[in-house]
Amino acid sequence: MQRLLNISACGRQTDCRIRRDGYRRVITFWVAVCLLGCASTPVQITETDPFDAAHRRIEARSHLALVEQAHTLLQSSQIDPEDLLSVGDQLRQVLMESRVSKSGIQPKLRHQMENALAWISHRMSMHPATTAHTSEPIGDSPHDAVQFSWPMKRFEVASPFGLRTDPFGSEKQLFHDGVDLAAPAGTMIYSPSSGYVVQAGWRDNGCGLGITLMHHETLVSDYCHLSTVVVVKGQRVKTGELIGTVGNTGRSLGAHLHWSVWRDGRAIDPVSMIPKSQN
């Protein structure tokens, strides 16, 4: 009987040792997995360039000073058309360049600049002495006479101009500054009107591969998410000339063309530029 008890006790001790060894192996295995996982995923630290931040602050102050200068001139009892035109040209140039730059302009400051430019345009339209100072149009027609054709022959309007629900998941209502034209990747895109190429290539602001055309000194059209670009910066283009093909580059959920039109630095509905006979 004692012998049986000894054998039973020995068996229990052996079983305990086996279990302890098993636990040790399992723990060792998972520790190794965790260590390897941590080692294979290095921590990335994103640093902000202090020089770039300082440059943006200086630009913002310069843009704000331009707005204040415009307001001072507009409130003056004796307006010098030359000065007002000069400030208006500077505001317009900054707004145009911000469409193709990486940094852009803060929304509040952009709104102030657009309002100042609108007031300058309004005041200039009432001033007879300014007609002799207006620049020649870049395209074939003056500003208000420019008409567009559709940039593609076959497409579907996937998202119109104006407010829409954020397509990337949030339930926020966001302003869509253009129209999304859905078409298979590789579909040809044509210039809707004559002008010249302001920008052609990759942009980091979500546009991906894009093109910007200037049709008049105050009228710009923009094309995003392209797969190929067949024009270069500075090139003149005619109405109906091939400029690129549809793609899915940048911040995009599928093959389509994001087409936007900007007049005096303000987004307008591209469809409004197309004659009713083409709709």
C-alpha atoms as a PDB file:
ATOM      1  CA  MET A   1       0.000   0.000   0.000  1.00  0.00           C
ATOM      2  CA  GLN A   2       2.826   2.404   0.891  1.00  0.00           C
ATOM      3  CA  ARG A   3       4.478   1.566  -2.383  1.00  0.00           C
ATOM      4  CA  LEU A   4       1.343   2.502  -4.313  1.00  0.00           C
ATOM      5  CA  LEU A   5       1.134   5.812  -2.464  1.00  0.00           C
ATOM      6  CA  ASN A   6       4.781   6.537  -3.278  1.00  0.00           C
ATOM      7  CA  ILE A   7       4.163   5.785  -6.948  1.00  0.00           C
ATOM      8  CA  SER A   8       1.094   8.014  -6.989  1.00  0.00           C
ATOM      9  CA  ALA A   9       2.975  10.899  -5.335  1.00  0.00           C
ATOM     10  CA  CYS A  10       5.831  10.493  -7.782  1.00  0.00           C
ATOM     11  CA  GLY A  11       3.394  10.592 -10.689  1.00  0.00           C
ATOM     12  CA  ARG A  12       1.840  13.774  -9.419  1.00  0.00           C
ATOM     13  CA  GLN A  13       5.262  15.415  -9.051  1.00  0.00           C
ATOM     14  CA  THR A  14       6.234  14.372 -12.582  1.00  0.00           C
ATOM     15  CA  ASP A  15       2.951  15.695 -13.914  1.00  0.00           C
ATOM     16  CA  CYS A  16       3.532  19.035 -12.141  1.00  0.00           C
ATOM     17  CA  ARG A  17       7.026  19.295 -13.593  1.00  0.00           C
ATOM     18  CA  ILE A  18       5.669  18.615 -17.112  1.00  0.00           C
ATOM     19  CA  ARG A  19       3.025  21.288 -16.665  1.00  0.00           C
ATOM     20  CA  ARG A  20       5.559  23.811 -15.340  1.00  0.00           C
ATOM     21  CA  ASP A  21       7.871  23.092 -18.281  1.00  0.00           C
ATOM     22  CA  GLY A  22       4.950  23.495 -20.661  1.00  0.00           C
ATOM     23  CA  TYR A  23       3.980  26.834 -19.153  1.00  0.00           C
ATOM     24  CA  ARG A  24       7.585  28.031 -19.359  1.00  0.00           C
ATOM     25  CA  ARG A  25       7.753  27.130 -23.068  1.00  0.00           C
ATOM     26  CA  VAL A  26       4.476  28.913 -23.838  1.00  0.00           C
ATOM     27  CA  ILE A  27       5.537  32.043 -21.955  1.00  0.00           C
ATOM     28  CA  THR A  28       8.976  32.020 -23.605  1.00  0.00           C
ATOM     29  CA  PHE A  29       7.381  31.632 -27.046  1.00  0.00           C
ATOM     30  CA  TRP A  30       5.029  34.614 -26.636  1.00  0.00           C
ATOM     31  CA  VAL A  31       7.754  36.811 -25.150  1.00  0.00           C
ATOM     32  CA  ALA A  32       9.892  36.061 -28.209  1.00  0.00           C
ATOM     33  CA  VAL A  33       6.986  36.862 -30.541  1.00  0.00           C
ATOM     34  CA  CYS A  34       6.378  40.198 -28.811  1.00  0.00           C
ATOM     35  CA  LEU A  35      10.056  41.114 -28.928  1.00  0.00           C
ATOM     36  CA  LEU A  36      10.326  40.225 -32.627  1.00  0.00           C
ATOM     37  CA  GLY A  37       7.139  42.125 -33.408  1.00  0.00           C
ATOM     38  CA  CYS A  38       8.375  45.235 -31.641  1.00  0.00           C
ATOM     39  CA  ALA A  39      11.757  44.962 -33.313  1.00  0.00           C
ATOM     40  CA  SER A  40      10.207  44.625 -36.801  1.00  0.00           C
ATOM     41  CA  THR A  41       8.015  47.712 -36.340  1.00  0.00           C
ATOM     42  CA  PRO A  42      10.308  50.647 -35.659  1.00  0.00           C
ATOM     43  CA  VAL A  43       8.756  53.719 -34.121  1.00  0.00           C
ATOM     44  CA  GLN A  44       8.529  56.544 -36.646  1.00  0.00           C
ATOM     45  CA  ILE A  45       8.854  60.063 -35.312  1.00  0.00           C
ATOM     46  CA  THR A  46       7.576  62.852 -37.530  1.00  0.00           C
ATOM     47  CA  GLU A  47       9.392  66.081 -36.975  1.00  0.00           C
ATOM     48  CA  THR A  48       8.123  69.469 -38.079  1.00  0.00           C
ATOM     49  CA  ASP A  49      10.686  71.545 -39.931  1.00  0.00           C
ATOM     50  CA  PRO A  50      11.017  74.760 -37.870  1.00  0.00           C
ATOM     51  CA  PHE A  51      12.202  76.686 -40.938  1.00  0.00           C
ATOM     52  CA  ASP A  52       9.139  75.567 -42.924  1.00  0.00           C
ATOM     53  CA  ALA A  53       6.814  76.584 -40.061  1.00  0.00           C
ATOM     54  CA  ALA A  54       8.507  79.979 -39.782  1.00  0.00           C
ATOM     55  CA  HIS A  55       8.211  80.477 -43.550  1.00  0.00           C
ATOM     56  CA  ARG A  56       4.463  79.768 -43.389  1.00  0.00           C
ATOM     57  CA  ARG A  57       4.023  82.280 -40.569  1.00  0.00           C
ATOM     58  CA  ILE A  58       5.866  84.946 -42.576  1.00  0.00           C
ATOM     59  CA  GLU A  59       3.693  84.175 -45.635  1.00  0.00           C
ATOM     60  CA  ALA A  60       0.518  84.438 -43.545  1.00  0.00           C
ATOM     61  CA  ARG A  61       1.587  87.857 -42.193  1.00  0.00           C
ATOM     62  CA  SER A  62       2.383  89.019 -45.729  1.00  0.00           C
ATOM     63  CA  HIS A  63      -1.035  87.877 -46.996  1.00  0.00           C
ATOM     64  CA  LEU A  64      -2.809  89.564 -44.075  1.00  0.00           C
ATOM     65  CA  ALA A  65      -0.907  92.797 -44.749  1.00  0.00           C
ATOM     66  CA  LEU A  66      -2.113  92.600 -48.358  1.00  0.00           C
ATOM     67  CA  VAL A  67      -5.737  92.311 -47.170  1.00  0.00           C
ATOM     68  CA  GLU A  68      -5.299  95.283 -44.806  1.00  0.00           C
ATOM     69  CA  GLN A  69      -3.766  97.322 -47.633  1.00  0.00           C
ATOM     70  CA  ALA A  70      -6.763  96.526 -49.840  1.00  0.00           C
ATOM     71  CA  HIS A  71      -9.200  97.633 -47.111  1.00  0.00           C
ATOM     72  CA  THR A  72      -7.272 100.885 -46.571  1.00  0.00           C
ATOM     73  CA  LEU A  73      -7.424 101.704 -50.289  1.00  0.00           C
ATOM     74  CA  LEU A  74     -11.121 100.794 -50.543  1.00  0.00           C
ATOM     75  CA  GLN A  75     -11.982 103.093 -47.619  1.00  0.00           C
ATOM     76  CA  SER A  76     -10.051 106.003 -49.087  1.00  0.00           C
ATOM     77  CA  SER A  77     -12.123 108.904 -50.431  1.00  0.00           C
ATOM     78  CA  GLN A  78      -9.757 109.281 -53.396  1.00  0.00           C
ATOM     79  CA  ILE A  79      -8.907 105.905 -54.877  1.00  0.00           C
ATOM     80  CA  ASP A  80      -5.829 105.533 -57.050  1.00  0.00           C
ATOM     81  CA  PRO A  81      -6.808 102.955 -59.700  1.00  0.00           C
ATOM     82  CA  GLU A  82      -3.186 101.930 -60.252  1.00  0.00           C
ATOM     83  CA  ASP A  83      -2.671 101.064 -56.573  1.00  0.00           C
ATOM     84  CA  LEU A  84      -5.964  99.204 -56.333  1.00  0.00           C
ATOM     85  CA  LEU A  85      -5.238  97.209 -59.487  1.00  0.00           C
ATOM     86  CA  SER A  86      -1.778  96.361 -58.195  1.00  0.00           C
ATOM     87  CA  VAL A  87      -3.129  95.029 -54.876  1.00  0.00           C
ATOM     88  CA  GLY A  88      -5.848  93.126 -56.722  1.00  0.00           C
ATOM     89  CA  ASP A  89      -3.279  91.502 -59.013  1.00  0.00           C
ATOM     90  CA  GLN A  90      -1.183  90.467 -56.005  1.00  0.00           C
ATOM     91  CA  LEU A  91      -4.192  88.953 -54.216  1.00  0.00           C
ATOM     92  CA  ARG A  92      -5.262  87.110 -57.348  1.00  0.00           C
ATOM     93  CA  GLN A  93      -1.747  85.755 -57.937  1.00  0.00           C
ATOM     94  CA  VAL A  94      -1.454  84.464 -54.352  1.00  0.00           C
ATOM     95  CA  LEU A  95      -4.853  82.744 -54.564  1.00  0.00           C
ATOM     96  CA  MET A  96      -3.984  81.165 -57.907  1.00  0.00           C
ATOM     97  CA  GLU A  97      -0.606  79.920 -56.696  1.00  0.00           C
ATOM     98  CA  SER A  98      -2.159  78.453 -53.547  1.00  0.00           C
ATOM     99  CA  ARG A  99      -4.131  76.028 -55.730  1.00  0.00           C
ATOM    100  CA  VAL A 100      -0.924  74.275 -56.804  1.00  0.00           C
ATOM    101  CA  SER A 101       1.267  74.746 -53.716  1.00  0.00           C
ATOM    102  CA  LYS A 102       1.799  72.249 -50.892  1.00  0.00           C
ATOM    103  CA  SER A 103       1.239  74.693 -48.041  1.00  0.00           C
ATOM    104  CA  GLY A 104      -1.937  76.433 -49.212  1.00  0.00           C
ATOM    105  CA  ILE A 105      -3.701  79.174 -47.230  1.00  0.00           C
ATOM    106  CA  GLN A 106      -5.673  78.895 -44.008  1.00  0.00           C
ATOM    107  CA  PRO A 107      -9.450  78.913 -44.736  1.00  0.00           C
ATOM    108  CA  LYS A 108     -10.149  82.051 -42.677  1.00  0.00           C
ATOM    109  CA  LEU A 109      -7.364  84.017 -44.375  1.00  0.00           C
ATOM    110  CA  ARG A 110      -8.434  82.714 -47.804  1.00  0.00           C
ATOM    111  CA  HIS A 111     -11.973  83.967 -47.127  1.00  0.00           C
ATOM    112  CA  GLN A 112     -10.644  87.420 -46.189  1.00  0.00           C
ATOM    113  CA  MET A 113      -8.530  87.557 -49.346  1.00  0.00           C
ATOM    114  CA  GLU A 114     -11.429  86.468 -51.564  1.00  0.00           C
ATOM    115  CA  ASN A 115     -13.705  89.125 -50.026  1.00  0.00           C
ATOM    116  CA  ALA A 116     -11.077  91.831 -50.519  1.00  0.00           C
ATOM    117  CA  LEU A 117     -10.592  90.774 -54.149  1.00  0.00           C
ATOM    118  CA  ALA A 118     -14.367  90.775 -54.738  1.00  0.00           C
ATOM    119  CA  TRP A 119     -14.649  94.324 -53.381  1.00  0.00           C
ATOM    120  CA  ILE A 120     -11.725  95.472 -55.534  1.00  0.00           C
ATOM    121  CA  SER A 121     -13.332  93.927 -58.646  1.00  0.00           C
ATOM    122  CA  HIS A 122     -16.625  95.610 -57.795  1.00  0.00           C
ATOM    123  CA  ARG A 123     -14.980  99.014 -57.239  1.00  0.00           C
ATOM    124  CA  MET A 124     -12.951  98.699 -60.447  1.00  0.00           C
ATOM    125  CA  SER A 125     -16.072  97.891 -62.473  1.00  0.00           C
ATOM    126  CA  MET A 126     -17.531 101.226 -61.287  1.00  0.00           C
ATOM    127  CA  HIS A 127     -14.393 103.210 -62.094  1.00  0.00           C
ATOM    128  CA  PRO A 128     -14.258 104.313 -65.777  1.00  0.00           C
ATOM    129  CA  ALA A 129     -10.541 105.091 -65.619  1.00  0.00           C
ATOM    130  CA  THR A 130      -9.614 101.454 -65.084  1.00  0.00           C
ATOM    131  CA  THR A 131     -10.805 100.117 -68.445  1.00  0.00           C
ATOM    132  CA  ALA A 132      -7.553 101.145 -70.093  1.00  0.00           C
ATOM    133  CA  HIS A 133      -5.513  99.174 -67.553  1.00  0.00           C
ATOM    134  CA  THR A 134      -7.146  95.767 -67.969  1.00  0.00           C
ATOM    135  CA  SER A 135      -4.909  93.008 -69.291  1.00  0.00           C
ATOM    136  CA  GLU A 136      -5.507  91.043 -72.459  1.00  0.00           C
ATOM    137  CA  PRO A 137      -7.149  87.661 -71.952  1.00  0.00           C
ATOM    138  CA  ILE A 138      -4.985  84.572 -72.115  1.00  0.00           C
ATOM    139  CA  GLY A 139      -7.540  82.490 -73.970  1.00  0.00           C
ATOM    140  CA  ASP A 140      -9.535  83.265 -77.121  1.00  0.00           C
ATOM    141  CA  SER A 141     -12.391  85.081 -75.321  1.00  0.00           C
ATOM    142  CA  PRO A 142     -12.679  87.754 -72.614  1.00  0.00           C
ATOM    143  CA  HIS A 143     -13.389  86.702 -69.011  1.00  0.00           C
ATOM    144  CA  ASP A 144     -17.210  86.663 -69.076  1.00  0.00           C
ATOM    145  CA  ALA A 145     -17.430  85.230 -72.607  1.00  0.00           C
ATOM    146  CA  VAL A 146     -15.374  82.086 -71.917  1.00  0.00           C
ATOM    147  CA  GLN A 147     -17.406  78.933 -72.390  1.00  0.00           C
ATOM    148  CA  PHE A 148     -16.318  75.377 -71.703  1.00  0.00           C
ATOM    149  CA  SER A 149     -17.024  72.015 -73.264  1.00  0.00           C
ATOM    150  CA  TRP A 150     -17.057  68.798 -71.241  1.00  0.00           C
ATOM    151  CA  PRO A 151     -13.489  67.515 -70.647  1.00  0.00           C
ATOM    152  CA  MET A 152     -14.491  63.912 -71.455  1.00  0.00           C
ATOM    153  CA  LYS A 153     -16.738  62.301 -74.043  1.00  0.00           C
ATOM    154  CA  ARG A 154     -18.190  59.539 -71.838  1.00  0.00           C
ATOM    155  CA  PHE A 155     -18.643  59.777 -68.081  1.00  0.00           C
ATOM    156  CA  GLU A 156     -21.126  59.844 -65.218  1.00  0.00           C
ATOM    157  CA  VAL A 157     -21.430  62.684 -62.701  1.00  0.00           C
ATOM    158  CA  ALA A 158     -20.572  60.859 -59.474  1.00  0.00           C
ATOM    159  CA  SER A 159     -20.619  63.906 -57.182  1.00  0.00           C
ATOM    160  CA  PRO A 160     -21.848  67.424 -58.076  1.00  0.00           C
ATOM    161  CA  PHE A 161     -20.569  70.808 -56.934  1.00  0.00           C
ATOM    162  CA  GLY A 162     -21.508  72.031 -53.435  1.00  0.00           C
ATOM    163  CA  LEU A 163     -22.161  70.505 -50.026  1.00  0.00           C
ATOM    164  CA  ARG A 164     -21.946  66.719 -49.696  1.00  0.00           C
ATOM    165  CA  THR A 165     -21.406  64.067 -47.041  1.00  0.00           C
ATOM    166  CA  ASP A 166     -17.728  63.226 -46.550  1.00  0.00           C
ATOM    167  CA  PRO A 167     -17.080  60.196 -48.832  1.00  0.00           C
ATOM    168  CA  PHE A 168     -14.227  59.025 -46.583  1.00  0.00           C
ATOM    169  CA  GLY A 169     -16.365  57.852 -43.678  1.00  0.00           C
ATOM    170  CA  SER A 170     -17.224  60.782 -41.456  1.00  0.00           C
ATOM    171  CA  GLU A 171     -20.795  62.077 -41.443  1.00  0.00           C
ATOM    172  CA  LYS A 172     -19.723  65.707 -41.819  1.00  0.00           C
ATOM    173  CA  GLN A 173     -21.154  67.931 -44.538  1.00  0.00           C
ATOM    174  CA  LEU A 174     -18.192  69.211 -46.553  1.00  0.00           C
ATOM    175  CA  PHE A 175     -17.968  71.677 -49.427  1.00  0.00           C
ATOM    176  CA  HIS A 176     -17.046  69.989 -52.712  1.00  0.00           C
ATOM    177  CA  ASP A 177     -15.236  72.597 -54.835  1.00  0.00           C
ATOM    178  CA  GLY A 178     -15.783  70.804 -58.142  1.00  0.00           C
ATOM    179  CA  VAL A 179     -17.540  67.896 -59.827  1.00  0.00           C
ATOM    180  CA  ASP A 180     -16.438  64.257 -59.848  1.00  0.00           C
ATOM    181  CA  LEU A 181     -16.795  62.628 -63.267  1.00  0.00           C
ATOM    182  CA  ALA A 182     -16.603  58.821 -63.045  1.00  0.00           C
ATOM    183  CA  ALA A 183     -15.032  57.001 -65.993  1.00  0.00           C
ATOM    184  CA  PRO A 184     -12.780  53.964 -66.554  1.00  0.00           C
ATOM    185  CA  ALA A 185      -9.066  54.471 -65.887  1.00  0.00           C
ATOM    186  CA  GLY A 186      -7.330  55.614 -69.054  1.00  0.00           C
ATOM    187  CA  THR A 187     -10.299  57.607 -70.387  1.00  0.00           C
ATOM    188  CA  MET A 188      -8.981  60.613 -72.326  1.00  0.00           C
ATOM    189  CA  ILE A 189      -9.321  64.113 -70.849  1.00  0.00           C
ATOM    190  CA  TYR A 190      -9.458  67.161 -73.143  1.00  0.00           C
ATOM    191  CA  SER A 191      -8.988  70.868 -72.497  1.00  0.00           C
ATOM    192  CA  PRO A 192     -12.474  72.448 -72.228  1.00  0.00           C
ATOM    193  CA  SER A 193     -11.199  75.766 -73.572  1.00  0.00           C
ATOM    194  CA  SER A 194      -8.000  77.338 -74.846  1.00  0.00           C
ATOM    195  CA  GLY A 195      -5.350  78.533 -72.418  1.00  0.00           C
ATOM    196  CA  TYR A 196      -1.981  77.478 -71.077  1.00  0.00           C
ATOM    197  CA  VAL A 197      -0.663  74.984 -68.523  1.00  0.00           C
ATOM    198  CA  VAL A 198       0.114  76.482 -65.101  1.00  0.00           C
ATOM    199  CA  GLN A 199       0.928  73.165 -63.382  1.00  0.00           C
ATOM    200  CA  ALA A 200       1.366  69.572 -64.537  1.00  0.00           C
ATOM    201  CA  GLY A 201       2.550  66.737 -62.296  1.00  0.00           C
ATOM    202  CA  TRP A 202       2.209  65.274 -58.825  1.00  0.00           C
ATOM    203  CA  ARG A 203       0.671  67.197 -55.900  1.00  0.00           C
ATOM    204  CA  ASP A 204       0.752  66.167 -52.223  1.00  0.00           C
ATOM    205  CA  ASN A 205      -2.524  67.882 -51.253  1.00  0.00           C
ATOM    206  CA  GLY A 206      -4.667  64.834 -52.129  1.00  0.00           C
ATOM    207  CA  CYS A 207      -4.951  65.697 -55.807  1.00  0.00           C
ATOM    208  CA  GLY A 208      -2.377  63.111 -56.860  1.00  0.00           C
ATOM    209  CA  LEU A 209      -1.368  63.520 -60.493  1.00  0.00           C
ATOM    210  CA  GLY A 210      -2.944  66.780 -61.660  1.00  0.00           C
ATOM    211  CA  ILE A 211      -3.096  69.596 -64.198  1.00  0.00           C
ATOM    212  CA  THR A 212      -4.025  73.270 -63.839  1.00  0.00           C
ATOM    213  CA  LEU A 213      -4.994  75.341 -66.901  1.00  0.00           C
ATOM    214  CA  MET A 214      -5.326  79.125 -66.996  1.00  0.00           C
ATOM    215  CA  HIS A 215      -7.895  80.268 -69.573  1.00  0.00           C
ATOM    216  CA  HIS A 216      -7.923  83.928 -68.560  1.00  0.00           C
ATOM    217  CA  GLU A 217      -5.981  85.957 -66.005  1.00  0.00           C
ATOM    218  CA  THR A 218      -8.827  85.341 -63.521  1.00  0.00           C
ATOM    219  CA  LEU A 219     -10.150  81.967 -64.749  1.00  0.00           C
ATOM    220  CA  VAL A 220      -8.501  78.628 -63.921  1.00  0.00           C
ATOM    221  CA  SER A 221      -9.571  74.990 -64.339  1.00  0.00           C
ATOM    222  CA  ASP A 222      -8.126  72.126 -62.303  1.00  0.00           C
ATOM    223  CA  TYR A 223      -7.920  68.340 -62.938  1.00  0.00           C
ATOM    224  CA  CYS A 224      -7.034  65.747 -60.263  1.00  0.00           C
ATOM    225  CA  HIS A 225      -6.481  61.985 -59.752  1.00  0.00           C
ATOM    226  CA  LEU A 226      -5.088  61.459 -63.276  1.00  0.00           C
ATOM    227  CA  SER A 227      -3.192  58.359 -64.411  1.00  0.00           C
ATOM    228  CA  THR A 228      -1.125  60.143 -67.077  1.00  0.00           C
ATOM    229  CA  VAL A 229      -0.292  63.747 -68.009  1.00  0.00           C
ATOM    230  CA  VAL A 230       0.594  64.596 -71.618  1.00  0.00           C
ATOM    231  CA  VAL A 231       1.212  68.350 -71.275  1.00  0.00           C
ATOM    232  CA  VAL A 232       3.971  70.365 -69.612  1.00  0.00           C
ATOM    233  CA  LYS A 233       4.039  73.603 -67.635  1.00  0.00           C
ATOM    234  CA  GLY A 234       3.947  76.662 -69.889  1.00  0.00           C
ATOM    235  CA  GLN A 235       2.442  74.812 -72.865  1.00  0.00           C
ATOM    236  CA  ARG A 236      -0.431  76.480 -74.726  1.00  0.00           C
ATOM    237  CA  VAL A 237      -3.452  74.263 -75.345  1.00  0.00           C
ATOM    238  CA  LYS A 238      -6.437  74.579 -77.667  1.00  0.00           C
ATOM    239  CA  THR A 239     -10.055  73.648 -77.016  1.00  0.00           C
ATOM    240  CA  GLY A 240     -10.436  69.874 -77.299  1.00  0.00           C
ATOM    241  CA  GLU A 241      -6.692  69.151 -77.053  1.00  0.00           C
ATOM    242  CA  LEU A 242      -5.705  66.000 -75.122  1.00  0.00           C
ATOM    243  CA  ILE A 243      -4.144  66.850 -71.751  1.00  0.00           C
ATOM    244  CA  GLY A 244      -4.227  63.554 -69.765  1.00  0.00           C
ATOM    245  CA  THR A 245      -6.144  60.425 -68.807  1.00  0.00           C
ATOM    246  CA  VAL A 246      -8.434  59.422 -65.926  1.00  0.00           C
ATOM    247  CA  GLY A 247      -6.852  57.633 -62.954  1.00  0.00           C
ATOM    248  CA  ASN A 248      -7.137  56.906 -59.255  1.00  0.00           C
ATOM    249  CA  THR A 249      -4.104  58.733 -57.835  1.00  0.00           C
ATOM    250  CA  GLY A 250      -4.002  60.788 -54.655  1.00  0.00           C
ATOM    251  CA  ARG A 251      -6.863  60.719 -52.133  1.00  0.00           C
ATOM    252  CA  SER A 252      -9.395  58.866 -54.233  1.00  0.00           C
ATOM    253  CA  LEU A 253     -11.863  55.990 -53.835  1.00  0.00           C
ATOM    254  CA  GLY A 254     -11.993  54.945 -57.484  1.00  0.00           C
ATOM    255  CA  ALA A 255     -11.183  55.962 -61.050  1.00  0.00           C
ATOM    256  CA  HIS A 256     -12.634  59.417 -61.729  1.00  0.00           C
ATOM    257  CA  LEU A 257     -11.774  62.995 -62.660  1.00  0.00           C
ATOM    258  CA  HIS A 258     -12.144  65.753 -60.071  1.00  0.00           C
ATOM    259  CA  TRP A 259     -12.764  68.844 -62.187  1.00  0.00           C
ATOM    260  CA  SER A 260     -12.920  72.290 -60.592  1.00  0.00           C
ATOM    261  CA  VAL A 261     -13.095  75.827 -61.979  1.00  0.00           C
ATOM    262  CA  TRP A 262     -11.874  78.947 -60.147  1.00  0.00           C
ATOM    263  CA  ARG A 263     -12.839  82.517 -61.016  1.00  0.00           C
ATOM    264  CA  ASP A 264     -11.078  85.365 -59.189  1.00  0.00           C
ATOM    265  CA  GLY A 265      -9.717  82.764 -56.744  1.00  0.00           C
ATOM    266  CA  ARG A 266     -13.207  81.475 -55.870  1.00  0.00           C
ATOM    267  CA  ALA A 267     -14.563  78.026 -56.780  1.00  0.00           C
ATOM    268  CA  ILE A 268     -17.572  78.022 -59.119  1.00  0.00           C
ATOM    269  CA  ASP A 269     -19.676  75.169 -60.522  1.00  0.00           C
ATOM    270  CA  PRO A 270     -17.913  73.895 -63.690  1.00  0.00           C
ATOM    271  CA  VAL A 271     -21.286  72.940 -65.178  1.00  0.00           C
ATOM    272  CA  SER A 272     -22.256  76.640 -65.177  1.00  0.00           C
ATOM    273  CA  MET A 273     -19.481  77.254 -67.737  1.00  0.00           C
ATOM    274  CA  ILE A 274     -20.945  74.787 -70.240  1.00  0.00           C
ATOM    275  CA  PRO A 275     -23.633  75.940 -72.722  1.00  0.00           C
ATOM    276  CA  LYS A 276     -27.072  74.457 -72.087  1.00  0.00           C
ATOM    277  CA  SER A 277     -27.013  72.913 -75.562  1.00  0.00           C
ATOM    278  CA  GLN A 278     -24.247  70.530 -74.369  1.00  0.00           C
ATOM    279  CA  ASN A 279     -26.013  69.448 -71.155  1.00  0.00           C
END
